[in-house]
Protein backbone atom coordinates (compact mmCIF):
# COMPACT_ATOMS: atom_id res chain seq x y z
CA MET A 1 40.14 -32.44 -79.71
CA SER A 2 41.70 -34.77 -76.90
CA ARG A 3 40.26 -37.67 -75.55
CA ARG A 4 39.36 -36.23 -72.10
CA ARG A 5 36.93 -33.66 -74.14
CA ALA A 6 35.92 -36.07 -76.55
CA PHE A 7 34.38 -38.12 -73.49
CA ALA A 8 33.27 -35.21 -71.77
CA LEU A 9 31.57 -33.98 -75.00
CA LEU A 10 29.88 -37.71 -74.95
CA ALA A 11 28.49 -37.16 -71.38
CA TRP A 12 26.92 -33.97 -72.37
CA LEU A 13 25.26 -35.60 -75.38
CA MET A 14 23.74 -38.43 -73.04
CA ALA A 15 22.37 -35.68 -70.83
CA VAL A 16 21.01 -34.04 -73.28
CA CYS A 17 19.02 -36.95 -74.35
CA LEU A 18 17.85 -37.46 -70.42
CA GLY A 19 16.13 -34.38 -70.86
CA VAL A 20 18.77 -31.45 -69.67
CA ALA A 21 16.43 -28.18 -69.55
CA VAL A 22 17.95 -25.46 -71.84
CA ALA A 23 17.29 -21.37 -71.18
CA LEU A 24 14.67 -19.62 -72.90
CA GLY A 25 15.40 -16.58 -74.58
CA THR A 26 19.07 -15.11 -75.67
CA GLY A 27 21.06 -17.11 -73.18
CA ARG A 28 23.10 -20.55 -74.12
CA ASP A 29 22.85 -23.87 -72.37
CA ALA A 30 26.42 -24.22 -70.48
CA ARG A 31 25.65 -28.32 -71.69
CA ARG A 32 25.76 -27.20 -75.33
CA GLU A 33 29.18 -25.82 -75.49
CA PRO A 34 32.49 -27.59 -75.91
CA ALA A 35 35.54 -26.85 -74.35
CA ALA A 36 36.83 -25.37 -77.59
CA PRO A 37 36.31 -21.43 -78.06
CA PRO A 38 33.27 -20.71 -79.39
CA PRO A 39 32.70 -18.27 -82.08
CA PRO A 40 33.21 -14.36 -81.51
CA PRO A 41 29.54 -12.92 -80.01
CA ALA A 42 28.26 -9.64 -81.85
CA PRO A 43 29.87 -6.74 -80.21
CA HIS A 44 27.86 -4.43 -78.25
CA PRO A 45 27.36 -0.92 -79.58
CA ASP A 46 27.81 0.66 -76.21
CA ARG A 47 31.50 -0.91 -75.60
CA PRO A 48 32.43 -2.92 -78.20
CA GLU A 49 36.09 -3.39 -77.03
CA GLU A 50 34.80 -5.32 -73.78
CA VAL A 51 33.22 -8.15 -76.01
CA VAL A 52 36.40 -10.53 -76.95
CA PRO A 53 36.05 -13.56 -79.54
CA ALA A 54 37.98 -16.58 -77.71
CA THR A 55 40.68 -17.33 -80.49
CA ARG A 56 43.56 -17.68 -78.51
CA GLY A 57 44.02 -19.97 -74.93
CA GLU A 58 41.57 -22.22 -73.56
CA TRP A 59 38.62 -21.60 -70.92
CA VAL A 60 39.46 -23.00 -67.87
CA GLY A 61 36.90 -22.99 -64.86
CA THR A 62 38.63 -20.50 -61.87
CA TRP A 63 35.70 -20.52 -59.46
CA SER A 64 32.45 -23.06 -59.06
CA ALA A 65 29.88 -22.95 -56.59
CA ALA A 66 27.20 -26.00 -56.55
CA PRO A 67 23.62 -24.95 -56.14
CA CYS A 68 21.88 -26.73 -53.14
CA GLY A 69 18.49 -25.74 -53.31
CA ALA A 70 15.95 -22.94 -53.47
CA GLU A 71 16.81 -20.10 -50.92
CA PRO A 72 13.93 -19.67 -48.14
CA GLY A 73 11.95 -16.39 -48.13
CA THR A 74 12.39 -15.95 -51.89
CA ARG A 75 9.13 -17.32 -53.38
CA GLY A 76 8.61 -14.63 -55.81
CA GLY A 77 12.62 -14.05 -56.59
CA LEU A 78 14.52 -10.83 -55.75
CA PRO A 79 12.57 -8.48 -58.00
CA ASP A 80 14.03 -4.90 -58.22
CA ARG A 81 17.02 -5.99 -56.62
CA THR A 82 20.70 -6.12 -57.57
CA VAL A 83 22.71 -9.03 -56.74
CA ARG A 84 26.26 -8.84 -56.37
CA ASN A 85 28.31 -12.07 -55.45
CA VAL A 86 31.69 -11.83 -54.54
CA VAL A 87 34.27 -14.98 -55.40
CA ARG A 88 37.65 -15.92 -55.32
CA THR A 89 39.65 -16.83 -58.38
CA SER A 90 41.99 -19.57 -58.43
CA VAL A 91 43.61 -19.06 -61.74
CA GLY A 92 43.86 -15.75 -63.88
CA GLY A 93 43.17 -14.84 -67.68
CA THR A 94 42.60 -12.14 -69.92
CA ALA A 95 39.05 -12.78 -70.56
CA VAL A 96 35.97 -13.97 -68.37
CA ARG A 97 32.41 -15.45 -68.64
CA VAL A 98 29.88 -16.68 -66.12
CA GLU A 99 27.70 -19.33 -65.28
CA LEU A 100 24.16 -18.48 -64.03
CA SER A 101 21.41 -21.23 -62.71
CA ASN A 102 17.83 -20.93 -62.10
CA ARG A 103 18.17 -25.41 -60.95
CA TYR A 104 16.00 -24.72 -58.43
CA GLY A 105 13.60 -22.18 -59.91
CA THR A 106 9.66 -22.82 -60.64
CA ALA A 107 9.61 -19.67 -63.18
CA PRO A 108 11.96 -18.10 -65.40
CA VAL A 109 14.02 -15.38 -64.45
CA THR A 110 15.18 -12.61 -66.35
CA PHE A 111 18.16 -10.65 -65.70
CA SER A 112 18.14 -7.31 -67.48
CA ASP A 113 21.64 -6.36 -66.35
CA VAL A 114 24.92 -8.43 -65.40
CA SER A 115 28.29 -7.26 -64.89
CA VAL A 116 31.57 -8.40 -63.73
CA ALA A 117 34.65 -6.26 -62.12
CA LEU A 118 37.23 -6.72 -59.87
CA SER A 119 36.64 -5.92 -56.05
CA ALA A 120 38.36 -2.80 -54.81
CA ALA A 121 39.26 -4.01 -51.23
CA GLY A 122 37.19 -7.69 -50.85
CA GLY A 123 33.69 -5.79 -50.27
CA PRO A 124 30.85 -4.48 -52.75
CA ALA A 125 32.93 -1.75 -54.11
CA ALA A 126 34.33 -2.12 -57.63
CA ARG A 127 37.66 -1.00 -59.00
CA PRO A 128 35.85 1.44 -61.82
CA ASP A 129 38.40 0.60 -64.43
CA THR A 130 37.92 -2.74 -64.59
CA ARG A 131 33.60 -2.85 -64.72
CA ARG A 132 32.62 -4.78 -67.81
CA PRO A 133 28.82 -5.45 -68.77
CA LEU A 134 28.07 -8.97 -69.98
CA THR A 135 26.04 -10.39 -73.00
CA PHE A 136 24.23 -13.33 -73.33
CA GLY A 137 24.28 -14.31 -77.57
CA GLY A 138 24.73 -10.38 -77.87
CA GLY A 139 22.21 -9.03 -76.08
CA ARG A 140 22.04 -7.60 -72.43
CA SER A 141 19.30 -9.32 -71.06
CA VAL A 142 18.78 -13.43 -70.96
CA THR A 143 15.85 -15.41 -69.38
CA VAL A 144 16.64 -18.60 -67.61
CA ALA A 145 14.05 -21.16 -67.60
CA PRO A 146 13.28 -23.31 -64.75
CA GLY A 147 16.22 -25.88 -64.24
CA ALA A 148 18.30 -24.43 -66.89
CA THR A 149 21.84 -22.77 -66.77
CA VAL A 150 23.46 -20.31 -69.07
CA VAL A 151 26.89 -19.08 -69.52
CA SER A 152 27.40 -15.31 -70.67
CA ASP A 153 29.38 -14.01 -73.73
CA ALA A 154 33.39 -13.79 -73.31
CA ALA A 155 34.37 -10.30 -71.95
CA ARG A 156 37.71 -8.64 -72.15
CA LEU A 157 39.29 -8.47 -68.52
CA THR A 158 42.69 -9.40 -66.94
CA VAL A 159 41.33 -11.53 -64.19
CA PRO A 160 44.43 -12.13 -61.60
CA ALA A 161 44.62 -15.43 -59.91
CA SER A 162 43.37 -15.23 -56.29
CA ALA A 163 41.76 -11.98 -56.72
CA ASP A 164 38.20 -11.20 -55.21
CA LEU A 165 35.78 -10.81 -58.40
CA LEU A 166 32.06 -9.25 -58.32
CA VAL A 167 29.18 -10.55 -60.12
CA SER A 168 26.13 -8.33 -60.38
CA LEU A 169 22.65 -9.26 -61.55
CA TYR A 170 19.89 -7.26 -61.75
CA ALA A 171 16.51 -8.98 -62.10
CA PRO A 172 13.48 -6.27 -62.80
CA ASP A 173 10.44 -8.56 -62.40
CA PRO A 174 9.44 -11.35 -59.94
CA SER A 175 10.40 -14.74 -60.73
CA GLY A 176 10.37 -18.32 -58.81
CA PRO A 177 12.62 -19.40 -55.54
CA VAL A 178 16.14 -18.14 -56.04
CA THR A 179 18.89 -21.17 -56.78
CA TYR A 180 21.60 -20.55 -53.86
CA HIS A 181 24.52 -21.89 -52.65
CA ARG A 182 23.75 -21.43 -48.86
CA LEU A 183 27.10 -21.81 -47.16
CA ALA A 184 29.57 -19.41 -48.62
CA GLN A 185 31.70 -18.46 -45.95
CA GLN A 186 31.73 -15.22 -48.06
CA ALA A 187 29.77 -12.11 -47.81
CA SER A 188 27.98 -11.31 -50.80
CA TYR A 189 25.39 -8.32 -51.37
CA ALA A 190 22.16 -6.97 -52.90
CA ALA A 191 20.80 -3.49 -53.32
CA MET A 192 17.22 -2.06 -54.28
CA GLY A 193 17.23 -1.18 -57.94
CA ASN A 194 19.45 -1.48 -60.42
CA HIS A 195 23.19 -0.88 -59.87
CA ALA A 196 24.67 -3.83 -61.57
CA ALA A 197 26.54 -0.94 -63.51
CA SER A 198 27.82 0.61 -60.42
CA ALA A 199 31.14 0.76 -59.12
CA SER A 200 30.02 2.21 -55.68
CA GLY A 201 29.25 -0.18 -53.15
CA VAL A 202 27.14 2.29 -51.04
CA ALA A 203 23.55 0.98 -52.22
CA PHE A 204 24.71 -2.41 -51.23
CA THR A 205 23.54 -2.50 -47.77
CA GLN A 206 21.68 -6.00 -47.37
CA VAL A 207 24.70 -8.97 -46.81
CA THR A 208 24.37 -12.46 -47.32
CA GLN A 209 26.39 -15.47 -46.43
CA SER A 210 25.35 -17.17 -49.93
CA TRP A 211 25.90 -16.85 -53.24
CA ARG A 212 22.82 -16.53 -55.25
CA TYR A 213 22.32 -17.49 -59.15
CA LEU A 214 25.91 -17.74 -59.68
CA THR A 215 27.51 -21.16 -60.26
CA GLY A 216 30.81 -20.83 -62.34
CA VAL A 217 33.44 -18.33 -63.41
CA GLN A 218 35.44 -19.46 -66.55
CA VAL A 219 38.85 -17.46 -67.75
CA LEU A 220 40.45 -17.59 -71.22
CA SER A 221 43.93 -18.84 -70.16
CA THR A 222 47.31 -19.32 -72.02
CA SER A 223 48.96 -20.78 -69.20
CA ALA A 224 46.67 -23.15 -67.39
CA GLU A 225 46.74 -26.81 -67.95
CA GLY A 226 43.04 -27.41 -66.91
CA ALA A 227 41.14 -27.55 -63.41
CA ILE A 228 40.12 -30.16 -60.93
CA VAL A 229 36.52 -30.35 -59.92
CA VAL A 230 36.16 -31.34 -55.98
CA LEU A 231 33.08 -33.17 -55.25
CA GLY A 232 32.55 -33.05 -51.47
CA ASP A 233 29.99 -32.15 -48.34
CA SER A 234 31.04 -29.54 -45.59
CA LEU A 235 34.82 -30.14 -45.31
CA THR A 236 35.02 -29.06 -49.00
CA ASP A 237 32.53 -26.46 -48.03
CA GLY A 238 34.88 -24.84 -45.59
CA ALA A 239 32.32 -25.32 -42.83
CA LEU A 240 33.84 -23.24 -39.59
CA SER A 241 36.62 -21.65 -41.54
CA THR A 242 37.30 -17.94 -41.02
CA PRO A 243 34.30 -16.08 -42.92
CA GLY A 244 35.72 -14.00 -45.77
CA ALA A 245 39.28 -15.56 -45.08
CA ASN A 246 39.18 -18.39 -48.02
CA ARG A 247 40.65 -20.74 -45.69
CA ARG A 248 38.78 -23.67 -47.23
CA TRP A 249 41.23 -26.62 -48.24
CA THR A 250 40.41 -25.79 -51.69
CA ASP A 251 41.68 -22.16 -51.27
CA ALA A 252 44.95 -23.53 -49.96
CA LEU A 253 45.24 -25.76 -52.87
CA ALA A 254 44.97 -23.21 -55.23
CA ASP A 255 47.59 -21.23 -53.37
CA ARG A 256 49.91 -24.30 -53.52
CA LEU A 257 49.28 -24.77 -57.49
CA ARG A 258 49.82 -21.05 -57.69
CA THR A 259 53.13 -20.69 -55.66
CA GLU A 260 54.97 -23.94 -55.63
CA ARG A 261 57.76 -24.50 -57.93
CA GLY A 262 57.06 -27.15 -60.48
CA ALA A 263 53.17 -27.12 -59.49
CA PRO A 264 50.68 -27.94 -62.45
CA ALA A 265 48.72 -24.93 -63.63
CA LEU A 266 45.16 -25.96 -62.39
CA GLY A 267 42.28 -24.25 -61.78
CA VAL A 268 40.26 -25.41 -58.34
CA LEU A 269 36.60 -25.86 -58.70
CA ASN A 270 34.95 -26.24 -55.61
CA GLN A 271 31.63 -28.49 -55.65
CA GLY A 272 31.14 -28.85 -51.98
CA ILE A 273 28.04 -28.69 -50.07
CA SER A 274 27.78 -28.86 -46.24
CA GLY A 275 25.59 -31.75 -45.20
CA ASN A 276 26.02 -33.52 -48.48
CA ARG A 277 25.83 -37.54 -48.39
CA LEU A 278 26.93 -39.50 -51.02
CA LEU A 279 23.84 -41.98 -51.48
CA ARG A 280 20.96 -40.08 -50.14
CA ASP A 281 19.09 -36.90 -50.68
CA ALA A 282 18.95 -34.11 -48.10
CA LEU A 283 16.12 -34.94 -45.63
CA PRO A 284 12.87 -32.51 -46.03
CA ASP A 285 13.76 -30.26 -42.96
CA ARG A 286 17.13 -29.68 -44.53
CA SER A 287 16.82 -29.65 -48.09
CA PHE A 288 19.88 -27.02 -48.13
CA ASN A 289 21.74 -30.14 -48.15
CA GLY A 290 21.30 -30.86 -51.38
CA ALA A 291 20.89 -33.94 -53.55
CA SER A 292 22.75 -36.93 -53.20
CA GLY A 293 26.29 -36.72 -54.46
CA LEU A 294 25.66 -39.40 -57.12
CA ARG A 295 22.50 -37.94 -58.11
CA ARG A 296 24.37 -34.29 -58.61
CA LEU A 297 27.46 -36.17 -60.24
CA PRO A 298 26.13 -35.33 -63.84
CA HIS A 299 25.57 -31.96 -63.39
CA ASP A 300 28.17 -30.89 -60.54
CA ALA A 301 31.07 -33.25 -61.87
CA LEU A 302 30.71 -34.49 -65.19
CA ALA A 303 29.08 -32.81 -68.15
CA GLY A 304 28.19 -29.87 -66.73
CA MET A 305 31.75 -29.02 -65.38
CA ALA A 306 34.15 -30.83 -67.61
CA VAL A 307 32.80 -28.75 -70.65
CA GLY A 308 34.07 -25.75 -70.79
CA THR A 309 36.29 -25.59 -67.64
CA GLY A 310 39.49 -27.55 -68.87
CA ALA A 311 38.27 -30.38 -65.87
CA ASP A 312 40.56 -33.54 -66.26
CA THR A 313 40.52 -34.69 -62.75
CA LEU A 314 37.61 -35.48 -59.99
CA VAL A 315 38.31 -34.96 -56.47
CA VAL A 316 35.70 -37.11 -54.50
CA GLN A 317 35.51 -36.31 -50.59
CA LEU A 318 32.07 -37.63 -49.77
CA GLY A 319 30.98 -40.79 -47.28
CA VAL A 320 31.47 -39.02 -43.35
CA ASN A 321 27.86 -37.94 -43.30
CA ASP A 322 26.66 -41.33 -44.53
CA ILE A 323 28.11 -43.27 -42.14
CA LEU A 324 27.57 -40.34 -39.12
CA PHE A 325 23.74 -39.48 -39.74
CA GLU A 326 21.00 -41.16 -39.65
CA PRO A 327 19.76 -42.75 -42.05
CA ARG A 328 23.29 -44.67 -41.94
CA GLU A 329 24.65 -46.43 -44.36
CA SER A 330 26.65 -49.60 -44.16
CA PRO A 331 30.44 -49.36 -45.08
CA GLU A 332 29.86 -51.55 -47.89
CA ALA A 333 27.07 -49.53 -49.53
CA VAL A 334 29.35 -46.47 -49.22
CA LEU A 335 31.93 -48.46 -50.53
CA ALA A 336 30.08 -49.62 -53.50
CA GLY A 337 28.73 -45.73 -54.08
CA MET A 338 32.35 -44.69 -54.31
CA ARG A 339 33.03 -47.06 -57.16
CA VAL A 340 30.00 -46.07 -59.10
CA VAL A 341 31.33 -42.54 -59.07
CA THR A 342 34.62 -43.63 -59.81
CA GLU A 343 32.93 -45.70 -63.01
CA ARG A 344 31.11 -42.83 -64.14
CA ALA A 345 33.67 -40.41 -63.82
CA ARG A 346 36.07 -42.70 -65.89
CA ALA A 347 33.44 -43.17 -68.58
CA ALA A 348 33.45 -39.18 -69.01
CA GLY A 349 36.98 -39.08 -69.42
CA LEU A 350 38.27 -37.83 -66.00
CA ARG A 351 40.59 -39.21 -63.46
CA VAL A 352 39.14 -39.92 -60.06
CA VAL A 353 41.14 -39.08 -57.04
CA GLY A 354 39.43 -40.37 -53.87
CA THR A 355 39.76 -39.09 -50.08
CA THR A 356 39.72 -41.28 -46.89
CA LEU A 357 37.12 -40.36 -44.46
CA THR A 358 38.40 -37.75 -41.57
CA PRO A 359 38.05 -38.38 -37.88
CA PHE A 360 34.89 -37.74 -35.76
CA GLY A 361 35.96 -39.11 -32.58
CA GLY A 362 34.04 -36.43 -29.99
CA HIS A 363 31.44 -35.76 -32.27
CA ALA A 364 28.04 -36.16 -30.61
CA GLN A 365 26.81 -38.64 -33.09
CA GLU A 366 30.20 -40.69 -32.79
CA ASN A 367 30.16 -44.19 -31.33
CA ALA A 368 32.43 -47.07 -31.50
CA GLU A 369 30.74 -48.91 -33.95
CA LEU A 370 30.52 -45.85 -36.52
CA GLU A 371 34.33 -45.62 -36.23
CA ARG A 372 34.91 -49.11 -37.23
CA ALA A 373 32.71 -48.37 -40.25
CA ARG A 374 35.18 -45.75 -41.25
CA GLN A 375 38.21 -47.63 -40.52
CA ARG A 376 36.90 -50.37 -42.34
CA ILE A 377 36.14 -47.79 -45.79
CA ASN A 378 39.54 -46.32 -45.14
CA ALA A 379 41.15 -49.52 -45.61
CA GLU A 380 39.49 -50.47 -48.55
CA ILE A 381 40.23 -47.17 -50.27
CA ARG A 382 43.96 -47.30 -49.11
CA ALA A 383 44.22 -50.89 -50.82
CA GLY A 384 43.34 -49.64 -53.96
CA GLY A 385 40.48 -50.54 -56.50
CA VAL A 386 37.97 -47.88 -55.43
CA PHE A 387 39.84 -44.67 -56.79
CA ASP A 388 42.66 -44.25 -59.15
CA ALA A 389 44.43 -42.25 -56.44
CA VAL A 390 44.07 -41.48 -52.87
CA ILE A 391 44.42 -38.26 -50.91
CA ASP A 392 44.82 -39.28 -46.94
CA PHE A 393 42.94 -36.72 -45.39
CA ASP A 394 42.44 -39.00 -41.99
CA ARG A 395 46.22 -39.28 -41.85
CA ALA A 396 46.77 -35.53 -42.17
CA LEU A 397 44.10 -34.54 -39.60
CA ARG A 398 44.20 -37.49 -36.71
CA ASP A 399 46.09 -37.32 -33.60
CA PRO A 400 48.61 -39.99 -33.27
CA GLY A 401 47.85 -40.43 -29.80
CA ALA A 402 44.27 -40.87 -30.29
CA PRO A 403 43.68 -41.92 -34.35
CA GLY A 404 39.95 -41.73 -33.74
CA ARG A 405 39.94 -37.95 -33.10
CA LEU A 406 41.22 -34.74 -34.73
CA LEU A 407 44.31 -33.79 -33.57
CA PRO A 408 43.24 -30.89 -30.74
CA ARG A 409 44.97 -27.86 -33.06
CA TYR A 410 43.06 -28.93 -36.30
CA ASP A 411 39.55 -29.54 -34.30
CA SER A 412 36.98 -26.23 -34.74
CA GLY A 413 35.09 -27.77 -31.53
CA ASP A 414 32.80 -30.26 -32.90
CA GLY A 415 35.17 -33.15 -33.35
CA LEU A 416 34.15 -33.07 -37.26
CA HIS A 417 35.29 -29.71 -38.69
CA PRO A 418 38.76 -28.54 -38.83
CA THR A 419 39.81 -25.22 -37.93
CA ASP A 420 41.78 -22.80 -40.69
CA ALA A 421 44.95 -25.12 -39.70
CA GLY A 422 43.33 -28.12 -40.36
CA TYR A 423 42.27 -26.90 -43.68
CA ALA A 424 45.59 -26.17 -44.59
CA ALA A 425 46.84 -29.33 -43.47
CA MET A 426 44.35 -31.07 -45.68
CA ALA A 427 45.45 -28.92 -48.70
CA ALA A 428 49.34 -29.95 -47.68
CA ALA A 429 48.62 -33.60 -47.91
CA VAL A 430 47.97 -33.45 -51.69
CA ASP A 431 50.28 -34.96 -53.67
CA LEU A 432 50.06 -32.72 -56.70
CA GLY A 433 50.87 -35.34 -59.30
CA THR A 434 47.93 -37.38 -58.64
CA LEU A 435 45.81 -34.36 -59.88
CA LEU A 436 47.16 -34.77 -63.17
CA PRO A 437 45.34 -36.95 -66.10
CA ALA A 438 46.58 -40.17 -66.40
CA SER A 439 48.91 -38.74 -69.35
CA GLY A 440 50.62 -36.99 -66.90
CA ALA A 441 50.88 -39.11 -64.16
CA SER A 442 50.57 -42.60 -63.15
CA PRO A 443 47.79 -43.81 -60.83
CA SER A 444 48.93 -44.12 -57.02
CA ASN A 445 47.47 -44.98 -53.72
CA GLY A 446 49.23 -42.62 -51.58
């Protein structure tokens, strides 16, 4: 076991001691599983060829989304309905398993039919030859307790990098509220009745811009070197990027990692939540902005993500909302919070890469005092001592003639969120060597 994975497993054990909830029924808790391959599950009698022991390669995270809260209007869950999530992979593999979460549920939720498939054309229709039913501990049904997370058994499926994957979930009975990721920037679907096994997309007439219950996808890979986890806010979530086009900066980074000569083969796990703050939980009337970065760090970046995903590096893109919106934090408080994140991530065996705070001149909330706070934080980040390495998003996006503002072609119109071109510029600013663990790259500040 590598030093990093030993640290990750220790972090998991600490989380269990603090009372991490486990799933009911036949499901496995994601935080109970070491990164090493699990023993082979019992074959399913209907399609034994689709359940595969993970004896070669390593499990690597290829996609993720941080749950941000309970979906409004789903107090009783989504009974007798099939949810079909559409997600984009970052790395490929020869087998797949998925992570389902009931973190914000108030009652157990049972999924009696779960499947994966490659999308036929980016929508709800599946390529029939790729549809695979998923099992949990060898059984087709899984019940997930409130607050719990489960990971499916492995299913044999060749999953390409940069592919649209469909994850379908059928819940027959009422449950508590749906755990969701609000801003997907990607259409997903739902249908009345059980259509999890259907390759057709005809029944999926309900469209949503959120991901429901699904929080992670892992692939069995012999070529990927690991993964990076990005803990961020709306700039990582891809707010105001082109919907359905996968133009988040993390998508552009995954493209670079896949296509540039000499680039490390790394999965990219996006744990951004729009409106998220480093130090404070969301206000009650904006609960979808999620718990603070500090509070969600153990689940969304440390034990919960590092174990079973091959994660070696954490990228931290938080802090803008803490100084821009009420109640505002001082630069000293934000920097102290960043150092706490770094210390905790290092203790879990992760390398920590931080980003500078991007310009917000022209935004409705900005003023000269807030700009001074931003510059103070960025100066300290660039000076070193906050993170192991730095990605300078401020330098990548700012207008040289007006450094407190985004370059006009990078401004989506609100002075804060980038355009697709701006997100691409953020990805281009990443020194790919800084994403490797300490053994693969030396700490750097630029």
